[in-house]
Protein backbone atom coordinates (compact mmCIF):
# COMPACT_ATOMS: atom_id res chain seq x y z
CA UNK A 1 0.00 0.00 0.00
CA UNK A 2 1.14 3.55 -0.70
CA UNK A 3 0.92 6.13 2.07
CA UNK A 4 1.62 9.85 2.08
CA UNK A 5 2.77 10.99 5.50
CA UNK A 6 1.66 14.56 6.02
CA UNK A 7 3.19 17.21 8.27
CA UNK A 8 1.02 16.49 11.31
CA UNK A 9 1.86 12.79 11.16
CA UNK A 10 5.61 13.39 10.86
CA UNK A 11 5.42 15.69 13.89
CA UNK A 12 3.62 12.98 15.88
CA UNK A 13 6.18 10.43 14.69
CA UNK A 14 9.13 12.53 15.82
CA UNK A 15 7.45 13.40 19.13
CA UNK A 16 6.85 9.71 19.88
CA UNK A 17 3.18 10.24 20.77
CA UNK A 18 0.49 7.56 20.69
CA UNK A 19 -0.50 8.85 17.25
CA UNK A 20 3.17 8.79 16.31
CA UNK A 21 3.31 5.10 17.21
CA UNK A 22 0.54 4.45 14.67
CA UNK A 23 2.55 6.34 12.05
CA UNK A 24 5.64 4.33 13.02
CA UNK A 25 3.74 1.06 12.43
CA UNK A 26 2.76 2.18 8.92
CA UNK A 27 6.25 3.41 8.07
CA UNK A 28 8.02 0.34 9.44
CA UNK A 29 5.82 -2.11 7.54
CA UNK A 30 8.06 -3.11 4.65
CA UNK A 31 5.03 -3.87 2.49
CA UNK A 32 4.15 -0.17 2.47
CA UNK A 33 5.57 2.46 0.14
CA UNK A 34 6.05 5.71 2.04
CA UNK A 35 5.75 9.04 0.22
CA UNK A 36 6.19 12.61 1.42
CA UNK A 37 5.28 15.71 -0.54
CA UNK A 38 8.04 18.27 -0.85
CA UNK A 39 5.55 20.81 0.55
CA UNK A 40 5.59 18.79 3.78
CA UNK A 41 9.33 19.39 4.04
CA UNK A 42 8.61 23.13 3.81
CA UNK A 43 5.97 22.91 6.53
CA UNK A 44 8.25 20.83 8.77
CA UNK A 45 11.14 23.25 8.29
CA UNK A 46 8.83 26.05 9.37
CA UNK A 47 7.57 24.04 12.37
CA UNK A 48 11.05 23.10 13.58
CA UNK A 49 12.58 26.51 12.87
CA UNK A 50 9.77 28.33 14.69
CA UNK A 51 10.52 26.24 17.78
CA UNK A 52 14.29 26.63 17.33
CA UNK A 53 14.69 22.87 16.89
CA UNK A 54 17.40 21.52 14.59
CA UNK A 55 15.69 19.87 11.58
CA UNK A 56 18.63 18.19 9.82
CA UNK A 57 18.48 14.81 11.63
CA UNK A 58 14.70 14.57 11.23
CA UNK A 59 14.95 15.55 7.57
CA UNK A 60 17.59 12.88 6.98
CA UNK A 61 15.34 10.29 8.65
CA UNK A 62 12.46 11.28 6.34
CA UNK A 63 14.75 11.07 3.31
CA UNK A 64 15.94 7.60 4.35
CA UNK A 65 12.47 6.07 4.74
CA UNK A 66 10.32 8.05 2.34
CA UNK A 67 10.27 8.99 -1.31
CA UNK A 68 9.99 12.77 -1.71
CA UNK A 69 7.44 13.81 -4.30
CA UNK A 70 8.33 17.09 -6.04
CA UNK A 71 5.84 19.59 -7.36
CA UNK A 72 6.13 19.26 -11.11
CA UNK A 73 4.00 20.90 -13.78
CA UNK A 74 1.43 18.07 -13.88
CA UNK A 75 0.98 18.11 -10.09
CA UNK A 76 0.79 21.92 -10.07
CA UNK A 77 -1.89 22.02 -12.76
CA UNK A 78 -3.93 19.18 -11.25
CA UNK A 79 -3.75 20.84 -7.83
CA UNK A 80 -5.14 24.04 -9.33
CA UNK A 81 -8.08 22.17 -10.85
CA UNK A 82 -8.84 20.21 -7.68
CA UNK A 83 -8.36 23.24 -5.42
CA UNK A 84 -10.80 25.31 -7.48
CA UNK A 85 -13.42 22.58 -7.06
CA UNK A 86 -12.83 21.67 -3.41
CA UNK A 87 -12.15 25.10 -1.86
CA UNK A 88 -15.82 26.24 -1.96
CA UNK A 89 -16.80 22.97 -0.21
CA UNK A 90 -13.90 23.00 2.27
CA UNK A 91 -12.89 26.62 2.89
CA UNK A 92 -10.35 25.65 5.59
CA UNK A 93 -8.41 23.31 3.27
CA UNK A 94 -5.12 25.05 2.52
CA UNK A 95 -3.29 25.05 -0.78
CA UNK A 96 -0.54 22.94 0.84
CA UNK A 97 -3.17 20.41 1.94
CA UNK A 98 -4.57 20.35 -1.58
CA UNK A 99 -1.09 19.64 -2.96
CA UNK A 100 -0.92 16.64 -0.63
CA UNK A 101 -4.45 15.57 -1.61
CA UNK A 102 -3.61 15.82 -5.32
CA UNK A 103 -0.43 13.85 -4.75
CA UNK A 104 -2.51 11.12 -3.11
CA UNK A 105 -4.88 11.06 -6.06
CA UNK A 106 -2.09 10.93 -8.66
CA UNK A 107 -0.15 8.21 -6.81
CA UNK A 108 -3.24 6.27 -5.65
CA UNK A 109 -2.10 6.62 -2.05
CA UNK A 110 -3.72 7.21 1.32
CA UNK A 111 -2.83 10.29 3.35
CA UNK A 112 -1.90 9.61 6.98
CA UNK A 113 -2.85 12.72 8.93
CA UNK A 114 -4.13 14.27 12.14
CA UNK A 115 -5.37 17.29 10.19
CA UNK A 116 -9.16 17.50 10.58
CA UNK A 117 -9.40 19.43 7.30
CA UNK A 118 -8.98 16.05 5.56
CA UNK A 119 -11.85 14.43 7.48
CA UNK A 120 -14.31 12.67 5.24
CA UNK A 121 -12.04 12.52 2.20
CA UNK A 122 -11.65 8.99 0.85
CA UNK A 123 -7.92 9.58 0.31
CA UNK A 124 -7.30 10.32 3.99
CA UNK A 125 -6.85 8.19 7.09
CA UNK A 126 -7.12 10.27 10.25
CA UNK A 127 -5.08 9.13 13.23
CA UNK A 128 -5.94 10.10 16.78
């Protein structure tokens, strides 16, 4: 199975919370393919930097266990189409979240997240 680990899930993973343990189980299952959107790296850099926490070790861990998905022209265009359709229905869904959602659609993957803005989307699995 393919899984996209979003920002909230990586934070839980690195904090070793109960939710993080669920993320760990998904990541450590060798049958799973783990993906991370490059936009998640941006969000994590912001999160760590804001708290004055060194990000390099965590970033290297992500790079060692996850394939980073770049934002190419196809993903950018598809995100624009999907965002224009979903934004009126989900006004709190950010552009970054829509990039992750579009990545899930393109790669036929499930998003692992704590972000309630994904609730009810078939591409998302919410962890508590």
